[in-house]
Amino acid sequence: MSDRNRAEGAPRDPSSLAPIGTLIDRLRRDCPWDRELSLRDLRAYLIEEAHELAAAIDERDPVAINEELGDLLFEAVYVARLASAELSDVPVGDAIRTVIEKMVARHPHVFGDEKAASAAEVASLWEQRKRNRAGRSVLDGVPASLPALVGAYRLGQKAAGIGFDWDAAAAVRAKVSEELEELDREIAAGEPADGSEPPTKVEEELGDVLFAVANLARHLQVDPERALAAANRKFRRRFAVVEAELESGVRAEPAGNRMERMERLWERAKRGEE
């Protein structure tokens, strides 16, 4: 059977990743663009596909999830192929075996004698086991490459695992107010009048606000990335209404009049969703 038929034919095991590997081998052999791809190149594509899958999950669209999951699996197998070529042997089978062994070791309450009756207990026991590893920080499991909002959320989770946390959501909300007051003071003290870059201290205080908000979301049991993604989608919908209803000549209006009209259209879009 030719490479083309193997790649395009239905695999005997529909869950097998082997046909993807066969397709990648063919592309690497016959496509000039694929031949030039490096592991570094794939990093960006891998992140992009993960975000597209996350968006499909947010939309709860089974067709899009199926497509984007396929794209992500393709990139994952491609990473294994190029890691083998550029670094050392990284066969997919070994990667699968390694992750299974790791997951079994992480769940002694399932595969061993440890007892855990709740998700909170499972998380606490996991953090305790990690603390027993010499030279490791509880924060080591949070990749620096994560989107900053997700990273803030996960750092808060990790720190909370060893008891470094606020007692309740109300205390975190008070911290958000405190950070906002500090930001207000820095803005008042150093707001640039000429539109230049804001002072470094303003950026620092704004970062503290965002970090506190991420931790407030954690205490409210809200995924901040998902919440912000939903807010972005809502903004897109409402702004599309504003754009659609703007008259063609509105761009010639004075800035103040144009903004007033856009605000009215925005409020109409909001009411339309209520």
C-alpha atoms as a PDB file:
ATOM      1  CA  MET A   1       0.000   0.000   0.000  1.00  0.00           C
ATOM      2  CA  SER A   2       1.358   3.452  -0.884  1.00  0.00           C
ATOM      3  CA  ASP A   3       2.067   6.206   1.643  1.00  0.00           C
ATOM      4  CA  ARG A   4      -0.834   8.156   0.145  1.00  0.00           C
ATOM      5  CA  ASN A   5      -3.284   5.317   0.705  1.00  0.00           C
ATOM      6  CA  ARG A   6      -2.029   4.657   4.213  1.00  0.00           C
ATOM      7  CA  ALA A   7      -2.390   8.333   5.109  1.00  0.00           C
ATOM      8  CA  GLU A   8      -5.844   8.745   3.535  1.00  0.00           C
ATOM      9  CA  GLY A   9      -7.334   5.357   4.338  1.00  0.00           C
ATOM     10  CA  ALA A  10      -9.273   4.713   7.523  1.00  0.00           C
ATOM     11  CA  PRO A  11      -7.015   3.151  10.170  1.00  0.00           C
ATOM     12  CA  ARG A  12      -8.053  -0.190  11.631  1.00  0.00           C
ATOM     13  CA  ASP A  13      -7.870   1.403  15.065  1.00  0.00           C
ATOM     14  CA  PRO A  14      -9.630   4.780  14.729  1.00  0.00           C
ATOM     15  CA  SER A  15      -7.834   6.089  17.831  1.00  0.00           C
ATOM     16  CA  SER A  16      -4.356   5.248  16.493  1.00  0.00           C
ATOM     17  CA  LEU A  17      -1.950   8.129  15.918  1.00  0.00           C
ATOM     18  CA  ALA A  18       0.096   6.073  13.453  1.00  0.00           C
ATOM     19  CA  PRO A  19      -1.594   7.497  10.301  1.00  0.00           C
ATOM     20  CA  ILE A  20      -0.678  11.007  11.432  1.00  0.00           C
ATOM     21  CA  GLY A  21       2.956   9.952  11.732  1.00  0.00           C
ATOM     22  CA  THR A  22       2.819   8.412   8.251  1.00  0.00           C
ATOM     23  CA  LEU A  23       1.347  11.606   6.827  1.00  0.00           C
ATOM     24  CA  ILE A  24       4.013  13.756   8.503  1.00  0.00           C
ATOM     25  CA  ASP A  25       6.775  11.513   7.113  1.00  0.00           C
ATOM     26  CA  ARG A  26       5.354  11.979   3.620  1.00  0.00           C
ATOM     27  CA  LEU A  27       5.091  15.751   4.062  1.00  0.00           C
ATOM     28  CA  ARG A  28       8.650  15.956   5.353  1.00  0.00           C
ATOM     29  CA  ARG A  29       9.852  14.029   2.333  1.00  0.00           C
ATOM     30  CA  ASP A  30       7.850  15.685  -0.463  1.00  0.00           C
ATOM     31  CA  CYS A  31       6.860  19.181   0.727  1.00  0.00           C
ATOM     32  CA  PRO A  32       9.607  21.860   0.663  1.00  0.00           C
ATOM     33  CA  TRP A  33       7.804  23.924   3.314  1.00  0.00           C
ATOM     34  CA  ASP A  34       7.460  20.999   5.726  1.00  0.00           C
ATOM     35  CA  ARG A  35      11.076  19.984   5.171  1.00  0.00           C
ATOM     36  CA  GLU A  36      12.201  23.369   6.516  1.00  0.00           C
ATOM     37  CA  LEU A  37      10.039  23.243   9.663  1.00  0.00           C
ATOM     38  CA  SER A  38      11.953  23.134  12.927  1.00  0.00           C
ATOM     39  CA  LEU A  39      10.942  22.295  16.471  1.00  0.00           C
ATOM     40  CA  ARG A  40      11.144  26.017  17.278  1.00  0.00           C
ATOM     41  CA  ASP A  41       8.696  26.755  14.422  1.00  0.00           C
ATOM     42  CA  LEU A  42       6.208  24.217  15.751  1.00  0.00           C
ATOM     43  CA  ARG A  43       6.100  25.868  19.174  1.00  0.00           C
ATOM     44  CA  ALA A  44       4.013  28.773  17.850  1.00  0.00           C
ATOM     45  CA  TYR A  45       1.664  26.482  15.898  1.00  0.00           C
ATOM     46  CA  LEU A  46       1.181  24.253  18.942  1.00  0.00           C
ATOM     47  CA  ILE A  47       0.141  27.215  21.107  1.00  0.00           C
ATOM     48  CA  GLU A  48      -2.171  28.528  18.378  1.00  0.00           C
ATOM     49  CA  GLU A  49      -3.926  25.183  17.965  1.00  0.00           C
ATOM     50  CA  ALA A  50      -4.335  24.817  21.741  1.00  0.00           C
ATOM     51  CA  HIS A  51      -6.016  28.213  21.904  1.00  0.00           C
ATOM     52  CA  GLU A  52      -8.303  27.383  18.980  1.00  0.00           C
ATOM     53  CA  LEU A  53      -9.352  24.171  20.742  1.00  0.00           C
ATOM     54  CA  ALA A  54      -9.948  26.144  23.942  1.00  0.00           C
ATOM     55  CA  ALA A  55     -12.190  28.549  22.029  1.00  0.00           C
ATOM     56  CA  ALA A  56     -14.178  25.633  20.585  1.00  0.00           C
ATOM     57  CA  ILE A  57     -14.599  24.230  24.095  1.00  0.00           C
ATOM     58  CA  ASP A  58     -15.841  27.625  25.309  1.00  0.00           C
ATOM     59  CA  GLU A  59     -18.427  27.598  22.510  1.00  0.00           C
ATOM     60  CA  ARG A  60     -19.351  23.963  23.306  1.00  0.00           C
ATOM     61  CA  ASP A  61     -19.294  23.311  19.561  1.00  0.00           C
ATOM     62  CA  PRO A  62     -18.765  19.564  18.988  1.00  0.00           C
ATOM     63  CA  VAL A  63     -17.925  19.981  15.297  1.00  0.00           C
ATOM     64  CA  ALA A  64     -15.289  22.628  16.038  1.00  0.00           C
ATOM     65  CA  ILE A  65     -13.929  20.621  18.983  1.00  0.00           C
ATOM     66  CA  ASN A  66     -13.504  17.593  16.738  1.00  0.00           C
ATOM     67  CA  GLU A  67     -11.656  19.626  14.108  1.00  0.00           C
ATOM     68  CA  GLU A  68      -9.444  21.563  16.515  1.00  0.00           C
ATOM     69  CA  LEU A  69      -8.634  18.460  18.561  1.00  0.00           C
ATOM     70  CA  GLY A  70      -7.455  16.815  15.349  1.00  0.00           C
ATOM     71  CA  ASP A  71      -5.259  19.819  14.579  1.00  0.00           C
ATOM     72  CA  LEU A  72      -3.752  19.713  18.066  1.00  0.00           C
ATOM     73  CA  LEU A  73      -3.054  15.980  17.848  1.00  0.00           C
ATOM     74  CA  PHE A  74      -1.386  16.554  14.467  1.00  0.00           C
ATOM     75  CA  GLU A  75       0.892  19.191  15.991  1.00  0.00           C
ATOM     76  CA  ALA A  76       1.675  16.950  18.985  1.00  0.00           C
ATOM     77  CA  VAL A  77       2.777  14.091  16.746  1.00  0.00           C
ATOM     78  CA  TYR A  78       4.746  16.540  14.605  1.00  0.00           C
ATOM     79  CA  VAL A  79       6.572  17.707  17.751  1.00  0.00           C
ATOM     80  CA  ALA A  80       7.490  14.103  18.532  1.00  0.00           C
ATOM     81  CA  ARG A  81       8.817  13.614  15.001  1.00  0.00           C
ATOM     82  CA  LEU A  82      10.959  16.751  15.020  1.00  0.00           C
ATOM     83  CA  ALA A  83      12.158  16.202  18.597  1.00  0.00           C
ATOM     84  CA  SER A  84      13.426  12.798  17.463  1.00  0.00           C
ATOM     85  CA  ALA A  85      15.146  14.373  14.466  1.00  0.00           C
ATOM     86  CA  GLU A  86      16.681  17.385  16.223  1.00  0.00           C
ATOM     87  CA  LEU A  87      17.332  16.207  19.781  1.00  0.00           C
ATOM     88  CA  SER A  88      17.018  12.541  20.621  1.00  0.00           C
ATOM     89  CA  ASP A  89      14.644   9.664  20.098  1.00  0.00           C
ATOM     90  CA  VAL A  90      11.158  10.689  21.295  1.00  0.00           C
ATOM     91  CA  PRO A  91       8.810   8.009  19.950  1.00  0.00           C
ATOM     92  CA  VAL A  92       5.118   8.631  20.568  1.00  0.00           C
ATOM     93  CA  GLY A  93       4.821   5.232  22.235  1.00  0.00           C
ATOM     94  CA  ASP A  94       7.398   6.192  24.855  1.00  0.00           C
ATOM     95  CA  ALA A  95       5.649   9.527  25.463  1.00  0.00           C
ATOM     96  CA  ILE A  96       2.337   7.722  25.968  1.00  0.00           C
ATOM     97  CA  ARG A  97       3.884   5.198  28.347  1.00  0.00           C
ATOM     98  CA  THR A  98       5.622   7.968  30.307  1.00  0.00           C
ATOM     99  CA  VAL A  99       2.445  10.001  30.795  1.00  0.00           C
ATOM    100  CA  ILE A 100       0.498   6.911  31.875  1.00  0.00           C
ATOM    101  CA  GLU A 101       3.163   6.051  34.455  1.00  0.00           C
ATOM    102  CA  LYS A 102       3.153   9.654  35.675  1.00  0.00           C
ATOM    103  CA  MET A 103      -0.653   9.778  36.007  1.00  0.00           C
ATOM    104  CA  VAL A 104      -0.724   6.466  37.898  1.00  0.00           C
ATOM    105  CA  ALA A 105       1.946   7.776  40.297  1.00  0.00           C
ATOM    106  CA  ARG A 106      -0.061  10.980  40.810  1.00  0.00           C
ATOM    107  CA  HIS A 107      -3.208   9.067  41.782  1.00  0.00           C
ATOM    108  CA  PRO A 108      -2.263   6.723  44.661  1.00  0.00           C
ATOM    109  CA  HIS A 109      -5.824   7.208  45.974  1.00  0.00           C
ATOM    110  CA  VAL A 110      -6.960   5.380  42.821  1.00  0.00           C
ATOM    111  CA  PHE A 111      -4.113   2.934  42.186  1.00  0.00           C
ATOM    112  CA  GLY A 112      -2.686   2.601  45.720  1.00  0.00           C
ATOM    113  CA  ASP A 113      -3.625   2.735  49.389  1.00  0.00           C
ATOM    114  CA  GLU A 114      -3.949   6.487  49.858  1.00  0.00           C
ATOM    115  CA  LYS A 115      -7.410   7.842  50.765  1.00  0.00           C
ATOM    116  CA  ALA A 116      -8.946  11.037  49.394  1.00  0.00           C
ATOM    117  CA  ALA A 117     -12.662  11.773  49.573  1.00  0.00           C
ATOM    118  CA  SER A 118     -12.760  15.110  47.753  1.00  0.00           C
ATOM    119  CA  ALA A 119     -11.069  17.031  44.958  1.00  0.00           C
ATOM    120  CA  ALA A 120      -9.603  19.420  47.556  1.00  0.00           C
ATOM    121  CA  GLU A 121      -8.003  16.506  49.416  1.00  0.00           C
ATOM    122  CA  VAL A 122      -6.544  15.150  46.184  1.00  0.00           C
ATOM    123  CA  ALA A 123      -5.000  18.554  45.374  1.00  0.00           C
ATOM    124  CA  SER A 124      -3.620  18.937  48.902  1.00  0.00           C
ATOM    125  CA  LEU A 125      -2.039  15.466  48.929  1.00  0.00           C
ATOM    126  CA  TRP A 126      -0.502  16.127  45.498  1.00  0.00           C
ATOM    127  CA  GLU A 127       1.113  19.347  46.695  1.00  0.00           C
ATOM    128  CA  GLN A 128       2.436  17.549  49.798  1.00  0.00           C
ATOM    129  CA  ARG A 129       4.074  14.880  47.655  1.00  0.00           C
ATOM    130  CA  LYS A 130       5.706  17.497  45.473  1.00  0.00           C
ATOM    131  CA  ARG A 131       7.083  19.327  48.516  1.00  0.00           C
ATOM    132  CA  ASN A 132       8.921  16.147  49.458  1.00  0.00           C
ATOM    133  CA  ARG A 133      10.987  16.337  46.267  1.00  0.00           C
ATOM    134  CA  ALA A 134      14.324  17.892  47.134  1.00  0.00           C
ATOM    135  CA  GLY A 135      15.149  21.149  45.425  1.00  0.00           C
ATOM    136  CA  ARG A 136      11.670  21.697  43.978  1.00  0.00           C
ATOM    137  CA  SER A 137       9.342  24.623  44.542  1.00  0.00           C
ATOM    138  CA  VAL A 138       5.583  24.185  44.547  1.00  0.00           C
ATOM    139  CA  LEU A 139       5.558  26.819  41.792  1.00  0.00           C
ATOM    140  CA  ASP A 140       7.793  24.796  39.460  1.00  0.00           C
ATOM    141  CA  GLY A 141       4.774  23.166  37.877  1.00  0.00           C
ATOM    142  CA  VAL A 142       3.505  26.491  36.481  1.00  0.00           C
ATOM    143  CA  PRO A 143       5.232  27.106  33.112  1.00  0.00           C
ATOM    144  CA  ALA A 144       6.515  30.646  32.597  1.00  0.00           C
ATOM    145  CA  SER A 145       5.174  30.444  29.031  1.00  0.00           C
ATOM    146  CA  LEU A 146       1.535  30.293  30.178  1.00  0.00           C
ATOM    147  CA  PRO A 147      -0.672  33.266  29.278  1.00  0.00           C
ATOM    148  CA  ALA A 148      -0.244  35.682  32.184  1.00  0.00           C
ATOM    149  CA  LEU A 149      -3.838  35.478  33.434  1.00  0.00           C
ATOM    150  CA  VAL A 150      -3.794  31.674  33.496  1.00  0.00           C
ATOM    151  CA  GLY A 151      -0.365  31.800  35.117  1.00  0.00           C
ATOM    152  CA  ALA A 152      -1.586  34.097  37.906  1.00  0.00           C
ATOM    153  CA  TYR A 153      -4.527  31.782  38.567  1.00  0.00           C
ATOM    154  CA  ARG A 154      -2.323  28.682  38.704  1.00  0.00           C
ATOM    155  CA  LEU A 155       0.330  30.357  40.878  1.00  0.00           C
ATOM    156  CA  GLY A 156      -2.402  31.225  43.363  1.00  0.00           C
ATOM    157  CA  GLN A 157      -3.617  27.633  43.318  1.00  0.00           C
ATOM    158  CA  LYS A 158      -0.134  26.296  43.950  1.00  0.00           C
ATOM    159  CA  ALA A 159       0.568  28.688  46.816  1.00  0.00           C
ATOM    160  CA  ALA A 160      -2.825  27.895  48.351  1.00  0.00           C
ATOM    161  CA  GLY A 161      -1.882  24.212  48.289  1.00  0.00           C
ATOM    162  CA  ILE A 162       0.589  24.834  51.116  1.00  0.00           C
ATOM    163  CA  GLY A 163      -1.686  27.245  52.992  1.00  0.00           C
ATOM    164  CA  PHE A 164      -0.405  30.569  51.586  1.00  0.00           C
ATOM    165  CA  ASP A 165      -3.803  32.076  50.805  1.00  0.00           C
ATOM    166  CA  TRP A 166      -6.578  34.388  51.937  1.00  0.00           C
ATOM    167  CA  ASP A 167      -9.259  32.927  54.187  1.00  0.00           C
ATOM    168  CA  ALA A 168     -12.228  33.959  52.061  1.00  0.00           C
ATOM    169  CA  ALA A 169     -13.261  35.721  48.863  1.00  0.00           C
ATOM    170  CA  ALA A 170     -14.149  38.880  50.832  1.00  0.00           C
ATOM    171  CA  ALA A 171     -10.523  39.239  51.926  1.00  0.00           C
ATOM    172  CA  VAL A 172      -9.318  38.923  48.334  1.00  0.00           C
ATOM    173  CA  ARG A 173     -11.894  41.486  47.210  1.00  0.00           C
ATOM    174  CA  ALA A 174     -10.496  43.881  49.800  1.00  0.00           C
ATOM    175  CA  LYS A 175      -7.022  43.217  48.378  1.00  0.00           C
ATOM    176  CA  VAL A 176      -8.295  44.141  44.901  1.00  0.00           C
ATOM    177  CA  SER A 177      -9.555  47.469  46.290  1.00  0.00           C
ATOM    178  CA  GLU A 178      -6.211  48.055  48.010  1.00  0.00           C
ATOM    179  CA  GLU A 179      -4.305  47.419  44.783  1.00  0.00           C
ATOM    180  CA  LEU A 180      -6.665  49.715  42.846  1.00  0.00           C
ATOM    181  CA  GLU A 181      -6.028  52.507  45.362  1.00  0.00           C
ATOM    182  CA  GLU A 182      -2.276  52.063  44.897  1.00  0.00           C
ATOM    183  CA  LEU A 183      -2.732  52.182  41.126  1.00  0.00           C
ATOM    184  CA  ASP A 184      -4.827  55.360  41.424  1.00  0.00           C
ATOM    185  CA  ARG A 185      -2.067  57.030  43.440  1.00  0.00           C
ATOM    186  CA  GLU A 186       0.579  56.157  40.860  1.00  0.00           C
ATOM    187  CA  ILE A 187      -1.619  57.367  38.006  1.00  0.00           C
ATOM    188  CA  ALA A 188      -2.232  60.675  39.783  1.00  0.00           C
ATOM    189  CA  ALA A 189       1.472  61.075  40.582  1.00  0.00           C
ATOM    190  CA  GLY A 190       2.895  60.297  37.190  1.00  0.00           C
ATOM    191  CA  GLU A 191       0.274  60.228  34.442  1.00  0.00           C
ATOM    192  CA  PRO A 192       2.021  61.342  31.234  1.00  0.00           C
ATOM    193  CA  ALA A 193       0.421  64.416  29.691  1.00  0.00           C
ATOM    194  CA  ASP A 194       1.964  63.934  26.252  1.00  0.00           C
ATOM    195  CA  GLY A 195       0.718  60.413  25.546  1.00  0.00           C
ATOM    196  CA  SER A 196       4.135  58.857  26.144  1.00  0.00           C
ATOM    197  CA  GLU A 197       4.718  55.547  27.872  1.00  0.00           C
ATOM    198  CA  PRO A 198       3.289  55.355  31.420  1.00  0.00           C
ATOM    199  CA  PRO A 199       5.755  55.239  34.335  1.00  0.00           C
ATOM    200  CA  THR A 200       7.081  51.800  35.209  1.00  0.00           C
ATOM    201  CA  LYS A 201       5.385  52.010  38.610  1.00  0.00           C
ATOM    202  CA  VAL A 202       1.959  52.326  36.953  1.00  0.00           C
ATOM    203  CA  GLU A 203       2.569  49.148  34.989  1.00  0.00           C
ATOM    204  CA  GLU A 204       3.715  47.372  38.145  1.00  0.00           C
ATOM    205  CA  GLU A 205       0.630  48.420  40.125  1.00  0.00           C
ATOM    206  CA  LEU A 206      -1.684  47.462  37.269  1.00  0.00           C
ATOM    207  CA  GLY A 207      -0.033  44.039  37.251  1.00  0.00           C
ATOM    208  CA  ASP A 208      -0.737  43.735  40.978  1.00  0.00           C
ATOM    209  CA  VAL A 209      -4.411  44.554  40.334  1.00  0.00           C
ATOM    210  CA  LEU A 210      -4.677  41.873  37.666  1.00  0.00           C
ATOM    211  CA  PHE A 211      -2.925  39.331  39.876  1.00  0.00           C
ATOM    212  CA  ALA A 212      -5.323  40.076  42.740  1.00  0.00           C
ATOM    213  CA  VAL A 213      -8.322  39.779  40.396  1.00  0.00           C
ATOM    214  CA  ALA A 214      -7.079  36.367  39.218  1.00  0.00           C
ATOM    215  CA  ASN A 215      -6.943  35.229  42.841  1.00  0.00           C
ATOM    216  CA  LEU A 216     -10.409  36.635  43.518  1.00  0.00           C
ATOM    217  CA  ALA A 217     -11.664  34.548  40.589  1.00  0.00           C
ATOM    218  CA  ARG A 218     -10.051  31.479  42.149  1.00  0.00           C
ATOM    219  CA  HIS A 219     -11.810  32.080  45.462  1.00  0.00           C
ATOM    220  CA  LEU A 220     -15.100  32.554  43.628  1.00  0.00           C
ATOM    221  CA  GLN A 221     -14.427  29.263  41.796  1.00  0.00           C
ATOM    222  CA  VAL A 222     -14.429  31.058  38.455  1.00  0.00           C
ATOM    223  CA  ASP A 223     -11.858  30.338  35.758  1.00  0.00           C
ATOM    224  CA  PRO A 224     -10.639  33.884  34.952  1.00  0.00           C
ATOM    225  CA  GLU A 225      -9.427  32.932  31.478  1.00  0.00           C
ATOM    226  CA  ARG A 226     -12.832  31.495  30.603  1.00  0.00           C
ATOM    227  CA  ALA A 227     -14.605  34.491  32.146  1.00  0.00           C
ATOM    228  CA  LEU A 228     -12.466  36.949  30.211  1.00  0.00           C
ATOM    229  CA  ALA A 229     -12.903  34.953  26.995  1.00  0.00           C
ATOM    230  CA  ALA A 230     -16.678  35.176  27.487  1.00  0.00           C
ATOM    231  CA  ALA A 231     -16.402  38.934  28.080  1.00  0.00           C
ATOM    232  CA  ASN A 232     -14.358  39.244  24.870  1.00  0.00           C
ATOM    233  CA  ARG A 233     -17.008  37.370  22.912  1.00  0.00           C
ATOM    234  CA  LYS A 234     -19.718  39.592  24.390  1.00  0.00           C
ATOM    235  CA  PHE A 235     -17.760  42.696  23.410  1.00  0.00           C
ATOM    236  CA  ARG A 236     -17.354  41.376  19.861  1.00  0.00           C
ATOM    237  CA  ARG A 237     -21.115  40.757  19.556  1.00  0.00           C
ATOM    238  CA  ARG A 238     -22.080  44.173  20.866  1.00  0.00           C
ATOM    239  CA  PHE A 239     -19.437  46.041  18.897  1.00  0.00           C
ATOM    240  CA  ALA A 240     -20.598  44.274  15.737  1.00  0.00           C
ATOM    241  CA  VAL A 241     -24.052  45.772  16.344  1.00  0.00           C
ATOM    242  CA  VAL A 242     -22.511  49.228  16.777  1.00  0.00           C
ATOM    243  CA  GLU A 243     -20.545  48.896  13.539  1.00  0.00           C
ATOM    244  CA  ALA A 244     -23.518  47.566  11.606  1.00  0.00           C
ATOM    245  CA  GLU A 245     -25.762  50.438  12.673  1.00  0.00           C
ATOM    246  CA  LEU A 246     -23.337  53.284  12.153  1.00  0.00           C
ATOM    247  CA  GLU A 247     -24.368  55.432   9.221  1.00  0.00           C
ATOM    248  CA  SER A 248     -21.871  55.778   6.441  1.00  0.00           C
ATOM    249  CA  GLY A 249     -21.510  59.512   7.074  1.00  0.00           C
ATOM    250  CA  VAL A 250     -20.963  59.246  10.787  1.00  0.00           C
ATOM    251  CA  ARG A 251     -17.189  59.279  10.358  1.00  0.00           C
ATOM    252  CA  ALA A 252     -17.440  62.941   9.380  1.00  0.00           C
ATOM    253  CA  GLU A 253     -19.193  63.842  12.629  1.00  0.00           C
ATOM    254  CA  PRO A 254     -17.299  65.751  15.339  1.00  0.00           C
ATOM    255  CA  ALA A 255     -15.540  63.372  17.700  1.00  0.00           C
ATOM    256  CA  GLY A 256     -17.879  64.133  20.580  1.00  0.00           C
ATOM    257  CA  ASN A 257     -21.030  63.536  18.516  1.00  0.00           C
ATOM    258  CA  ARG A 258     -19.638  60.322  17.095  1.00  0.00           C
ATOM    259  CA  MET A 259     -18.812  58.970  20.535  1.00  0.00           C
ATOM    260  CA  GLU A 260     -22.266  59.858  21.868  1.00  0.00           C
ATOM    261  CA  ARG A 261     -23.888  58.035  18.947  1.00  0.00           C
ATOM    262  CA  MET A 262     -21.692  54.982  19.441  1.00  0.00           C
ATOM    263  CA  GLU A 263     -22.521  54.915  23.149  1.00  0.00           C
ATOM    264  CA  ARG A 264     -26.253  54.968  22.338  1.00  0.00           C
ATOM    265  CA  LEU A 265     -25.798  52.110  19.882  1.00  0.00           C
ATOM    266  CA  TRP A 266     -23.776  50.211  22.491  1.00  0.00           C
ATOM    267  CA  GLU A 267     -26.542  50.569  25.074  1.00  0.00           C
ATOM    268  CA  ARG A 268     -29.064  49.391  22.474  1.00  0.00           C
ATOM    269  CA  ALA A 269     -26.914  46.318  21.787  1.00  0.00           C
ATOM    270  CA  LYS A 270     -26.777  45.605  25.547  1.00  0.00           C
ATOM    271  CA  ARG A 271     -30.536  45.890  25.908  1.00  0.00           C
ATOM    272  CA  GLY A 272     -30.966  43.567  22.935  1.00  0.00           C
ATOM    273  CA  GLU A 273     -29.151  40.819  24.879  1.00  0.00           C
ATOM    274  CA  GLU A 274     -31.174  41.208  28.059  1.00  0.00           C
END
